[in-house]
Amino acid sequence: MSSKPAALIKDFFDPETWTYTYIVYEGDGAPCAIIDSVLNYDPKSGRTSTKSADQVIAFVQDHQLQTSWILETHAHADHLTAAPYLQTHLGGKLVIGDHITSVQAVFKGVFNLDDRFQADGAQFDHLLKDGESLAFGSLSLKALFVPGHTPACMAYEIGDAIFVGDTLFMPDVGSARCDFPGGDAKTLYGSIQKILSYPGQTKLYMCHDYPPTDRPPACVTTVAEEKLSNIHVHDGIAENQFVEMRTARDKTLEMPVLILPSIQVNIRAGHFPEPDSNGIAYLKIPLNAL
């Protein structure tokens, strides 16, 4: 990987969803990319707020950055994206991997969405193919197709860093679940090995951290650290061992609190469903379907 020009990385942690959002840029006044934003959502009231996104907007404006791309690593099941809100205030294009159409097709069925929702990815401004690059100023990112957690996950390589989405977590947390529709533990193992084939000093930026009680949340590790001590997939863990562990572990996990609202919004690139005749948008809750 090329390490020039150097990228600056600003992280924002949302403690309600354990999510990291990133702004990547070269310096004040430069173009930037924003990765995995958060729209705050209260599941008890159904109300949204923009506390996390407003922090991102303030940083971009304070540093006079020009937003080129607002990216998702995948259609998240644990938080709503704030991408359209950011776009309204900052500009930029909404981007996700081109396999999002398969996720849209599955959940169009799960939520029984009518023909107003098209499973063609058109809700986004650009669909990235594996290996495709996007420039922002003198920086560029390369899309890495890393399915397994979902069938459409992308990681983003920028300089000497990879933003891994939900493929890997910090070494003491492990790896992503694979029991959502279209997920597959064997496929995730291959995607993880793709990431871990990079040089040991390559920095890996997490989308989430769920830390044990003896440390604060953290967002960055390295390929070498993951290969040495990741509790699920360190060096020496064979594919069959990983698949057996991941499959058994996934059977013990509850669904994420926000999976039903999140997926409905995120497959729409963060846009809400069309409002009803009273002007209010509604989400569906399928009973006994997941």
C-alpha atoms as a PDB file:
ATOM      1  CA  MET A   1       0.000   0.000   0.000  1.00  0.00           C
ATOM      2  CA  SER A   2       1.139   3.518  -0.683  1.00  0.00           C
ATOM      3  CA  SER A   3       1.681   5.678   2.377  1.00  0.00           C
ATOM      4  CA  LYS A   4       1.836   8.984   0.456  1.00  0.00           C
ATOM      5  CA  PRO A   5       0.172  11.374   0.712  1.00  0.00           C
ATOM      6  CA  ALA A   6      -0.518  10.923   4.406  1.00  0.00           C
ATOM      7  CA  ALA A   7      -4.122  10.809   5.551  1.00  0.00           C
ATOM      8  CA  LEU A   8      -5.352  12.401   8.754  1.00  0.00           C
ATOM      9  CA  ILE A   9      -8.076  10.426  10.535  1.00  0.00           C
ATOM     10  CA  LYS A  10     -10.550  11.862  13.024  1.00  0.00           C
ATOM     11  CA  ASP A  11     -12.705   9.364  14.904  1.00  0.00           C
ATOM     12  CA  PHE A  12     -16.012   9.928  16.689  1.00  0.00           C
ATOM     13  CA  PHE A  13     -17.447   7.373  19.115  1.00  0.00           C
ATOM     14  CA  ASP A  14     -21.183   6.987  19.662  1.00  0.00           C
ATOM     15  CA  PRO A  15     -21.554   5.321  23.087  1.00  0.00           C
ATOM     16  CA  GLU A  16     -25.210   4.413  22.569  1.00  0.00           C
ATOM     17  CA  THR A  17     -24.420   2.084  19.662  1.00  0.00           C
ATOM     18  CA  TRP A  18     -20.681   1.503  20.256  1.00  0.00           C
ATOM     19  CA  THR A  19     -20.059   2.853  16.746  1.00  0.00           C
ATOM     20  CA  TYR A  20     -17.071   4.697  15.321  1.00  0.00           C
ATOM     21  CA  THR A  21     -17.471   7.274  12.576  1.00  0.00           C
ATOM     22  CA  TYR A  22     -14.412   8.520  10.699  1.00  0.00           C
ATOM     23  CA  ILE A  23     -13.438  11.609   8.759  1.00  0.00           C
ATOM     24  CA  VAL A  24     -10.414  11.075   6.517  1.00  0.00           C
ATOM     25  CA  TYR A  25      -8.660  14.097   5.020  1.00  0.00           C
ATOM     26  CA  GLU A  26      -5.232  15.483   4.153  1.00  0.00           C
ATOM     27  CA  GLY A  27      -5.355  18.807   5.984  1.00  0.00           C
ATOM     28  CA  ASP A  28      -7.468  21.863   6.699  1.00  0.00           C
ATOM     29  CA  GLY A  29      -9.410  23.021   3.660  1.00  0.00           C
ATOM     30  CA  ALA A  30      -8.961  19.703   1.866  1.00  0.00           C
ATOM     31  CA  PRO A  31     -11.555  17.264   0.489  1.00  0.00           C
ATOM     32  CA  CYS A  32     -12.653  14.546   2.911  1.00  0.00           C
ATOM     33  CA  ALA A  33     -14.462  11.228   3.134  1.00  0.00           C
ATOM     34  CA  ILE A  34     -16.839  10.327   5.973  1.00  0.00           C
ATOM     35  CA  ILE A  35     -17.272   6.662   6.890  1.00  0.00           C
ATOM     36  CA  ASP A  36     -20.158   5.046   8.845  1.00  0.00           C
ATOM     37  CA  SER A  37     -22.101   7.915  10.371  1.00  0.00           C
ATOM     38  CA  VAL A  38     -24.740   7.597  13.118  1.00  0.00           C
ATOM     39  CA  LEU A  39     -28.251   9.007  13.390  1.00  0.00           C
ATOM     40  CA  ASN A  40     -29.293   8.720  17.031  1.00  0.00           C
ATOM     41  CA  TYR A  41     -32.548   6.806  17.544  1.00  0.00           C
ATOM     42  CA  ASP A  42     -34.608   6.192  20.671  1.00  0.00           C
ATOM     43  CA  PRO A  43     -36.406   2.826  20.259  1.00  0.00           C
ATOM     44  CA  LYS A  44     -38.816   3.645  23.060  1.00  0.00           C
ATOM     45  CA  SER A  45     -40.212   6.801  21.495  1.00  0.00           C
ATOM     46  CA  GLY A  46     -39.292   6.319  17.843  1.00  0.00           C
ATOM     47  CA  ARG A  47     -37.612   9.731  17.850  1.00  0.00           C
ATOM     48  CA  THR A  48     -34.392  10.500  16.023  1.00  0.00           C
ATOM     49  CA  SER A  49     -31.780  13.104  16.912  1.00  0.00           C
ATOM     50  CA  THR A  50     -28.590  14.324  15.306  1.00  0.00           C
ATOM     51  CA  LYS A  51     -26.236  14.621  18.287  1.00  0.00           C
ATOM     52  CA  SER A  52     -23.563  12.350  16.814  1.00  0.00           C
ATOM     53  CA  ALA A  53     -23.874  13.676  13.274  1.00  0.00           C
ATOM     54  CA  ASP A  54     -23.677  17.276  14.445  1.00  0.00           C
ATOM     55  CA  GLN A  55     -20.246  16.576  15.928  1.00  0.00           C
ATOM     56  CA  VAL A  56     -19.094  15.405  12.507  1.00  0.00           C
ATOM     57  CA  ILE A  57     -20.574  18.480  10.813  1.00  0.00           C
ATOM     58  CA  ALA A  58     -18.905  20.796  13.313  1.00  0.00           C
ATOM     59  CA  PHE A  59     -15.487  19.234  12.697  1.00  0.00           C
ATOM     60  CA  VAL A  60     -15.851  19.429   8.915  1.00  0.00           C
ATOM     61  CA  GLN A  61     -16.895  23.069   9.106  1.00  0.00           C
ATOM     62  CA  ASP A  62     -14.289  24.041  11.695  1.00  0.00           C
ATOM     63  CA  HIS A  63     -11.541  22.615   9.491  1.00  0.00           C
ATOM     64  CA  GLN A  64     -13.095  23.969   6.279  1.00  0.00           C
ATOM     65  CA  LEU A  65     -13.187  20.505   4.736  1.00  0.00           C
ATOM     66  CA  GLN A  66     -14.921  19.753   1.457  1.00  0.00           C
ATOM     67  CA  THR A  67     -16.996  16.579   1.696  1.00  0.00           C
ATOM     68  CA  SER A  68     -16.501  14.365  -1.348  1.00  0.00           C
ATOM     69  CA  TRP A  69     -17.859  11.007  -0.193  1.00  0.00           C
ATOM     70  CA  ILE A  70     -20.168   9.762   2.577  1.00  0.00           C
ATOM     71  CA  LEU A  71     -19.551   6.040   2.756  1.00  0.00           C
ATOM     72  CA  GLU A  72     -21.142   3.006   4.381  1.00  0.00           C
ATOM     73  CA  THR A  73     -19.206  -0.210   4.897  1.00  0.00           C
ATOM     74  CA  HIS A  74     -22.545  -2.092   4.817  1.00  0.00           C
ATOM     75  CA  ALA A  75     -26.237  -1.776   5.671  1.00  0.00           C
ATOM     76  CA  HIS A  76     -25.839  -1.672   9.443  1.00  0.00           C
ATOM     77  CA  ALA A  77     -28.165  -3.607  11.733  1.00  0.00           C
ATOM     78  CA  ASP A  78     -27.217  -1.813  14.964  1.00  0.00           C
ATOM     79  CA  HIS A  79     -27.555   1.878  14.141  1.00  0.00           C
ATOM     80  CA  LEU A  80     -29.226   4.193  11.652  1.00  0.00           C
ATOM     81  CA  THR A  81     -26.983   6.062   9.244  1.00  0.00           C
ATOM     82  CA  ALA A  82     -27.031   9.862   9.225  1.00  0.00           C
ATOM     83  CA  ALA A  83     -25.770  10.012   5.629  1.00  0.00           C
ATOM     84  CA  PRO A  84     -28.653  12.063   4.120  1.00  0.00           C
ATOM     85  CA  TYR A  85     -28.499  14.533   7.007  1.00  0.00           C
ATOM     86  CA  LEU A  86     -24.761  14.962   6.490  1.00  0.00           C
ATOM     87  CA  GLN A  87     -25.258  15.339   2.758  1.00  0.00           C
ATOM     88  CA  THR A  88     -27.832  18.085   3.291  1.00  0.00           C
ATOM     89  CA  HIS A  89     -25.376  20.083   5.412  1.00  0.00           C
ATOM     90  CA  LEU A  90     -22.054  19.154   3.833  1.00  0.00           C
ATOM     91  CA  GLY A  91     -22.657  17.931   0.293  1.00  0.00           C
ATOM     92  CA  GLY A  92     -20.866  14.863  -0.994  1.00  0.00           C
ATOM     93  CA  LYS A  93     -22.125  11.643  -2.569  1.00  0.00           C
ATOM     94  CA  LEU A  94     -23.642   8.670  -0.713  1.00  0.00           C
ATOM     95  CA  VAL A  95     -21.658   5.498  -1.424  1.00  0.00           C
ATOM     96  CA  ILE A  96     -21.942   1.785  -0.591  1.00  0.00           C
ATOM     97  CA  GLY A  97     -20.779  -1.483  -2.157  1.00  0.00           C
ATOM     98  CA  ASP A  98     -22.608  -2.678  -5.266  1.00  0.00           C
ATOM     99  CA  HIS A  99     -23.790  -5.906  -3.602  1.00  0.00           C
ATOM    100  CA  ILE A 100     -26.228  -3.841  -1.531  1.00  0.00           C
ATOM    101  CA  THR A 101     -28.855  -4.832  -4.087  1.00  0.00           C
ATOM    102  CA  SER A 102     -28.863  -8.405  -2.754  1.00  0.00           C
ATOM    103  CA  VAL A 103     -29.441  -7.119   0.790  1.00  0.00           C
ATOM    104  CA  GLN A 104     -32.201  -4.829  -0.442  1.00  0.00           C
ATOM    105  CA  ALA A 105     -33.905  -7.706  -2.227  1.00  0.00           C
ATOM    106  CA  VAL A 106     -33.908  -9.889   0.898  1.00  0.00           C
ATOM    107  CA  PHE A 107     -35.272  -7.204   3.194  1.00  0.00           C
ATOM    108  CA  LYS A 108     -37.786  -5.958   0.661  1.00  0.00           C
ATOM    109  CA  GLY A 109     -39.314  -9.377   1.183  1.00  0.00           C
ATOM    110  CA  VAL A 110     -38.874  -9.409   4.960  1.00  0.00           C
ATOM    111  CA  PHE A 111     -40.647  -6.051   5.306  1.00  0.00           C
ATOM    112  CA  ASN A 112     -43.062  -6.683   2.415  1.00  0.00           C
ATOM    113  CA  LEU A 113     -42.182  -3.348   0.833  1.00  0.00           C
ATOM    114  CA  ASP A 114     -44.215  -2.212  -2.151  1.00  0.00           C
ATOM    115  CA  ASP A 115     -42.928  -1.161  -5.552  1.00  0.00           C
ATOM    116  CA  ARG A 116     -42.049   2.323  -4.336  1.00  0.00           C
ATOM    117  CA  PHE A 117     -38.922   0.654  -2.952  1.00  0.00           C
ATOM    118  CA  GLN A 118     -36.662  -0.570  -5.734  1.00  0.00           C
ATOM    119  CA  ALA A 119     -33.918  -3.059  -4.853  1.00  0.00           C
ATOM    120  CA  ASP A 120     -31.523  -1.575  -7.394  1.00  0.00           C
ATOM    121  CA  GLY A 121     -29.245   0.570  -5.230  1.00  0.00           C
ATOM    122  CA  ALA A 122     -30.574   3.772  -6.792  1.00  0.00           C
ATOM    123  CA  GLN A 123     -31.118   5.259  -3.326  1.00  0.00           C
ATOM    124  CA  PHE A 124     -27.330   5.773  -3.220  1.00  0.00           C
ATOM    125  CA  ASP A 125     -25.349   8.124  -5.441  1.00  0.00           C
ATOM    126  CA  HIS A 126     -22.652   5.581  -6.267  1.00  0.00           C
ATOM    127  CA  LEU A 127     -22.232   1.812  -5.916  1.00  0.00           C
ATOM    128  CA  LEU A 128     -18.625   0.690  -5.512  1.00  0.00           C
ATOM    129  CA  LYS A 129     -17.247  -2.430  -7.156  1.00  0.00           C
ATOM    130  CA  ASP A 130     -14.512  -4.544  -5.596  1.00  0.00           C
ATOM    131  CA  GLY A 131     -11.134  -2.975  -6.348  1.00  0.00           C
ATOM    132  CA  GLU A 132     -12.616   0.348  -7.469  1.00  0.00           C
ATOM    133  CA  SER A 133     -10.935   3.537  -6.304  1.00  0.00           C
ATOM    134  CA  LEU A 134     -12.388   6.926  -5.380  1.00  0.00           C
ATOM    135  CA  ALA A 135     -10.297  10.072  -5.191  1.00  0.00           C
ATOM    136  CA  PHE A 136     -10.733  12.948  -2.761  1.00  0.00           C
ATOM    137  CA  GLY A 137      -8.121  15.590  -3.275  1.00  0.00           C
ATOM    138  CA  SER A 138      -4.736  13.874  -3.500  1.00  0.00           C
ATOM    139  CA  LEU A 139      -5.981  10.981  -1.383  1.00  0.00           C
ATOM    140  CA  SER A 140      -7.810   7.940  -2.687  1.00  0.00           C
ATOM    141  CA  LEU A 141      -9.605   4.952  -1.257  1.00  0.00           C
ATOM    142  CA  LYS A 142      -9.819   1.433  -2.650  1.00  0.00           C
ATOM    143  CA  ALA A 143     -12.881  -0.736  -2.092  1.00  0.00           C
ATOM    144  CA  LEU A 144     -12.263  -4.240  -0.733  1.00  0.00           C
ATOM    145  CA  PHE A 145     -15.185  -6.676  -0.970  1.00  0.00           C
ATOM    146  CA  VAL A 146     -15.301  -8.507   2.387  1.00  0.00           C
ATOM    147  CA  PRO A 147     -18.615 -10.406   2.643  1.00  0.00           C
ATOM    148  CA  GLY A 148     -19.549 -12.751   5.454  1.00  0.00           C
ATOM    149  CA  HIS A 149     -21.140 -10.572   8.112  1.00  0.00           C
ATOM    150  CA  THR A 150     -23.498  -9.518   5.330  1.00  0.00           C
ATOM    151  CA  PRO A 151     -23.252 -10.468   1.639  1.00  0.00           C
ATOM    152  CA  ALA A 152     -22.447  -6.864   0.729  1.00  0.00           C
ATOM    153  CA  CYS A 153     -19.747  -5.670   3.158  1.00  0.00           C
ATOM    154  CA  MET A 154     -16.968  -3.416   1.913  1.00  0.00           C
ATOM    155  CA  ALA A 155     -13.757  -2.362   3.630  1.00  0.00           C
ATOM    156  CA  TYR A 156     -11.955   0.789   2.534  1.00  0.00           C
ATOM    157  CA  GLU A 157      -8.183   0.978   2.087  1.00  0.00           C
ATOM    158  CA  ILE A 158      -6.761   4.486   2.409  1.00  0.00           C
ATOM    159  CA  GLY A 159      -2.989   4.823   2.522  1.00  0.00           C
ATOM    160  CA  ASP A 160      -1.628   2.535   5.242  1.00  0.00           C
ATOM    161  CA  ALA A 161      -5.052   2.061   6.858  1.00  0.00           C
ATOM    162  CA  ILE A 162      -8.083  -0.151   6.241  1.00  0.00           C
ATOM    163  CA  PHE A 163     -11.528   0.684   7.582  1.00  0.00           C
ATOM    164  CA  VAL A 164     -12.780  -2.844   8.135  1.00  0.00           C
ATOM    165  CA  GLY A 165     -16.472  -2.340   8.900  1.00  0.00           C
ATOM    166  CA  ASP A 166     -17.875  -5.335  10.784  1.00  0.00           C
ATOM    167  CA  THR A 167     -15.430  -7.985   9.595  1.00  0.00           C
ATOM    168  CA  LEU A 168     -13.059  -7.747  12.558  1.00  0.00           C
ATOM    169  CA  PHE A 169     -13.151  -6.226  16.021  1.00  0.00           C
ATOM    170  CA  MET A 170     -10.340  -5.413  18.426  1.00  0.00           C
ATOM    171  CA  PRO A 171      -8.224  -8.489  19.233  1.00  0.00           C
ATOM    172  CA  ASP A 172      -9.878  -9.054  22.632  1.00  0.00           C
ATOM    173  CA  VAL A 173     -13.381  -8.872  21.076  1.00  0.00           C
ATOM    174  CA  GLY A 174     -12.965 -11.039  17.989  1.00  0.00           C
ATOM    175  CA  SER A 175     -15.094 -11.091  14.864  1.00  0.00           C
ATOM    176  CA  ALA A 176     -18.527 -10.200  13.506  1.00  0.00           C
ATOM    177  CA  ARG A 177     -21.611 -12.397  13.685  1.00  0.00           C
ATOM    178  CA  CYS A 178     -22.723 -14.177  10.522  1.00  0.00           C
ATOM    179  CA  ASP A 179     -26.326 -15.163  11.264  1.00  0.00           C
ATOM    180  CA  PHE A 180     -28.110 -12.292   9.521  1.00  0.00           C
ATOM    181  CA  PRO A 181     -29.766 -13.095   6.150  1.00  0.00           C
ATOM    182  CA  GLY A 182     -27.021 -13.763   3.627  1.00  0.00           C
ATOM    183  CA  GLY A 183     -24.283 -13.998   6.246  1.00  0.00           C
ATOM    184  CA  ASP A 184     -21.841 -16.907   6.159  1.00  0.00           C
ATOM    185  CA  ALA A 185     -19.016 -17.809   8.551  1.00  0.00           C
ATOM    186  CA  LYS A 186     -16.890 -19.556   5.918  1.00  0.00           C
ATOM    187  CA  THR A 187     -17.146 -16.493   3.685  1.00  0.00           C
ATOM    188  CA  LEU A 188     -16.226 -14.201   6.589  1.00  0.00           C
ATOM    189  CA  TYR A 189     -13.133 -16.283   7.329  1.00  0.00           C
ATOM    190  CA  GLY A 190     -11.962 -15.739   3.750  1.00  0.00           C
ATOM    191  CA  SER A 191     -12.639 -12.009   3.985  1.00  0.00           C
ATOM    192  CA  ILE A 192     -10.694 -11.762   7.239  1.00  0.00           C
ATOM    193  CA  GLN A 193      -7.738 -13.559   5.663  1.00  0.00           C
ATOM    194  CA  LYS A 194      -7.883 -11.059   2.790  1.00  0.00           C
ATOM    195  CA  ILE A 195      -7.465  -8.226   5.287  1.00  0.00           C
ATOM    196  CA  LEU A 196      -4.808 -10.048   7.308  1.00  0.00           C
ATOM    197  CA  SER A 197      -2.734 -10.640   4.167  1.00  0.00           C
ATOM    198  CA  TYR A 198      -1.696  -6.979   4.270  1.00  0.00           C
ATOM    199  CA  PRO A 199       1.636  -5.986   5.870  1.00  0.00           C
ATOM    200  CA  GLY A 200       1.738  -6.299   9.646  1.00  0.00           C
ATOM    201  CA  GLN A 201       2.011  -2.560  10.260  1.00  0.00           C
ATOM    202  CA  THR A 202      -1.222  -1.862   8.356  1.00  0.00           C
ATOM    203  CA  LYS A 203      -3.635  -0.026  10.637  1.00  0.00           C
ATOM    204  CA  LEU A 204      -7.125  -1.463  10.993  1.00  0.00           C
ATOM    205  CA  TYR A 205      -9.914   0.901  12.006  1.00  0.00           C
ATOM    206  CA  MET A 206     -12.965  -0.676  13.627  1.00  0.00           C
ATOM    207  CA  CYS A 207     -16.594   0.203  12.990  1.00  0.00           C
ATOM    208  CA  HIS A 208     -17.492  -0.875  16.542  1.00  0.00           C
ATOM    209  CA  ASP A 209     -15.864  -1.723  19.830  1.00  0.00           C
ATOM    210  CA  TYR A 210     -17.496  -3.679  22.641  1.00  0.00           C
ATOM    211  CA  PRO A 211     -14.666  -3.539  25.168  1.00  0.00           C
ATOM    212  CA  PRO A 212     -14.246  -5.716  28.223  1.00  0.00           C
ATOM    213  CA  THR A 213     -14.590  -3.874  31.508  1.00  0.00           C
ATOM    214  CA  ASP A 214     -10.839  -3.438  31.990  1.00  0.00           C
ATOM    215  CA  ARG A 215     -10.273  -1.043  29.083  1.00  0.00           C
ATOM    216  CA  PRO A 216     -11.974   1.962  27.438  1.00  0.00           C
ATOM    217  CA  PRO A 217     -13.313   1.791  23.866  1.00  0.00           C
ATOM    218  CA  ALA A 218     -10.635   1.725  21.178  1.00  0.00           C
ATOM    219  CA  CYS A 219     -10.840   2.033  17.406  1.00  0.00           C
ATOM    220  CA  VAL A 220      -7.510   1.059  15.870  1.00  0.00           C
ATOM    221  CA  THR A 221      -5.230  -1.952  15.878  1.00  0.00           C
ATOM    222  CA  THR A 222      -2.875  -3.518  13.306  1.00  0.00           C
ATOM    223  CA  VAL A 223      -2.752  -6.575  11.108  1.00  0.00           C
ATOM    224  CA  ALA A 224       0.126  -7.909  13.224  1.00  0.00           C
ATOM    225  CA  GLU A 225      -1.820  -7.483  16.473  1.00  0.00           C
ATOM    226  CA  GLU A 226      -4.878  -9.220  15.035  1.00  0.00           C
ATOM    227  CA  LYS A 227      -2.836 -12.137  13.704  1.00  0.00           C
ATOM    228  CA  LEU A 228      -1.092 -12.501  17.049  1.00  0.00           C
ATOM    229  CA  SER A 229      -3.974 -12.289  19.486  1.00  0.00           C
ATOM    230  CA  ASN A 230      -7.449 -11.998  17.960  1.00  0.00           C
ATOM    231  CA  ILE A 231      -9.493 -14.336  20.165  1.00  0.00           C
ATOM    232  CA  HIS A 232     -11.453 -15.754  17.219  1.00  0.00           C
ATOM    233  CA  VAL A 233      -9.092 -15.773  14.270  1.00  0.00           C
ATOM    234  CA  HIS A 234      -5.417 -15.425  15.275  1.00  0.00           C
ATOM    235  CA  ASP A 235      -2.700 -17.237  13.329  1.00  0.00           C
ATOM    236  CA  GLY A 236      -3.207 -20.987  13.591  1.00  0.00           C
ATOM    237  CA  ILE A 237      -7.012 -20.907  13.601  1.00  0.00           C
ATOM    238  CA  ALA A 238      -8.159 -22.975  10.642  1.00  0.00           C
ATOM    239  CA  GLU A 239     -11.260 -22.248   8.610  1.00  0.00           C
ATOM    240  CA  ASN A 240     -13.223 -25.181  10.045  1.00  0.00           C
ATOM    241  CA  GLN A 241     -12.361 -24.121  13.604  1.00  0.00           C
ATOM    242  CA  PHE A 242     -13.536 -20.591  12.941  1.00  0.00           C
ATOM    243  CA  VAL A 243     -16.759 -21.719  11.283  1.00  0.00           C
ATOM    244  CA  GLU A 244     -17.556 -24.082  14.162  1.00  0.00           C
ATOM    245  CA  MET A 245     -16.886 -21.375  16.766  1.00  0.00           C
ATOM    246  CA  ARG A 246     -18.726 -18.630  14.895  1.00  0.00           C
ATOM    247  CA  THR A 247     -21.777 -20.796  14.188  1.00  0.00           C
ATOM    248  CA  ALA A 248     -22.075 -21.936  17.804  1.00  0.00           C
ATOM    249  CA  ARG A 249     -21.549 -18.435  19.160  1.00  0.00           C
ATOM    250  CA  ASP A 250     -24.086 -16.867  16.833  1.00  0.00           C
ATOM    251  CA  LYS A 251     -26.777 -19.218  18.122  1.00  0.00           C
ATOM    252  CA  THR A 252     -26.381 -17.653  21.578  1.00  0.00           C
ATOM    253  CA  LEU A 253     -26.694 -14.015  20.456  1.00  0.00           C
ATOM    254  CA  GLU A 254     -29.833 -11.919  20.657  1.00  0.00           C
ATOM    255  CA  MET A 255     -30.854  -9.741  17.729  1.00  0.00           C
ATOM    256  CA  PRO A 256     -29.467  -6.174  17.946  1.00  0.00           C
ATOM    257  CA  VAL A 257     -31.884  -3.777  19.635  1.00  0.00           C
ATOM    258  CA  LEU A 258     -32.106  -1.565  16.549  1.00  0.00           C
ATOM    259  CA  ILE A 259     -32.049  -4.178  13.769  1.00  0.00           C
ATOM    260  CA  LEU A 260     -35.619  -3.609  12.566  1.00  0.00           C
ATOM    261  CA  PRO A 261     -35.542   0.195  12.364  1.00  0.00           C
ATOM    262  CA  SER A 262     -31.923   0.265  11.210  1.00  0.00           C
ATOM    263  CA  ILE A 263     -32.237  -2.086   8.271  1.00  0.00           C
ATOM    264  CA  GLN A 264     -35.374  -0.396   6.938  1.00  0.00           C
ATOM    265  CA  VAL A 265     -33.649   2.984   6.945  1.00  0.00           C
ATOM    266  CA  ASN A 266     -30.180   1.864   5.899  1.00  0.00           C
ATOM    267  CA  ILE A 267     -31.266  -0.049   2.773  1.00  0.00           C
ATOM    268  CA  ARG A 268     -32.775   3.298   1.730  1.00  0.00           C
ATOM    269  CA  ALA A 269     -29.369   5.006   2.108  1.00  0.00           C
ATOM    270  CA  GLY A 270     -30.612   6.561   5.351  1.00  0.00           C
ATOM    271  CA  HIS A 271     -33.793   8.034   3.929  1.00  0.00           C
ATOM    272  CA  PHE A 272     -37.019   7.431   5.840  1.00  0.00           C
ATOM    273  CA  PRO A 273     -39.959   5.610   4.238  1.00  0.00           C
ATOM    274  CA  GLU A 274     -42.468   7.725   2.332  1.00  0.00           C
ATOM    275  CA  PRO A 275     -44.759   9.523   4.820  1.00  0.00           C
ATOM    276  CA  ASP A 276     -48.373   8.435   5.175  1.00  0.00           C
ATOM    277  CA  SER A 277     -51.260  10.793   4.413  1.00  0.00           C
ATOM    278  CA  ASN A 278     -50.787  12.457   7.812  1.00  0.00           C
ATOM    279  CA  GLY A 279     -47.221  13.437   6.950  1.00  0.00           C
ATOM    280  CA  ILE A 280     -45.617  10.962   9.383  1.00  0.00           C
ATOM    281  CA  ALA A 281     -43.191   8.243   8.249  1.00  0.00           C
ATOM    282  CA  TYR A 282     -43.699   4.781   9.722  1.00  0.00           C
ATOM    283  CA  LEU A 283     -41.470   1.741  10.146  1.00  0.00           C
ATOM    284  CA  LYS A 284     -42.740  -1.831   9.967  1.00  0.00           C
ATOM    285  CA  ILE A 285     -42.225  -4.445  12.679  1.00  0.00           C
ATOM    286  CA  PRO A 286     -42.617  -7.925  11.139  1.00  0.00           C
ATOM    287  CA  LEU A 287     -43.882 -10.327  13.780  1.00  0.00           C
ATOM    288  CA  ASN A 288     -42.219 -13.728  14.094  1.00  0.00           C
ATOM    289  CA  ALA A 289     -40.278 -13.217  10.869  1.00  0.00           C
ATOM    290  CA  LEU A 290     -36.656 -13.089  12.058  1.00  0.00           C
END
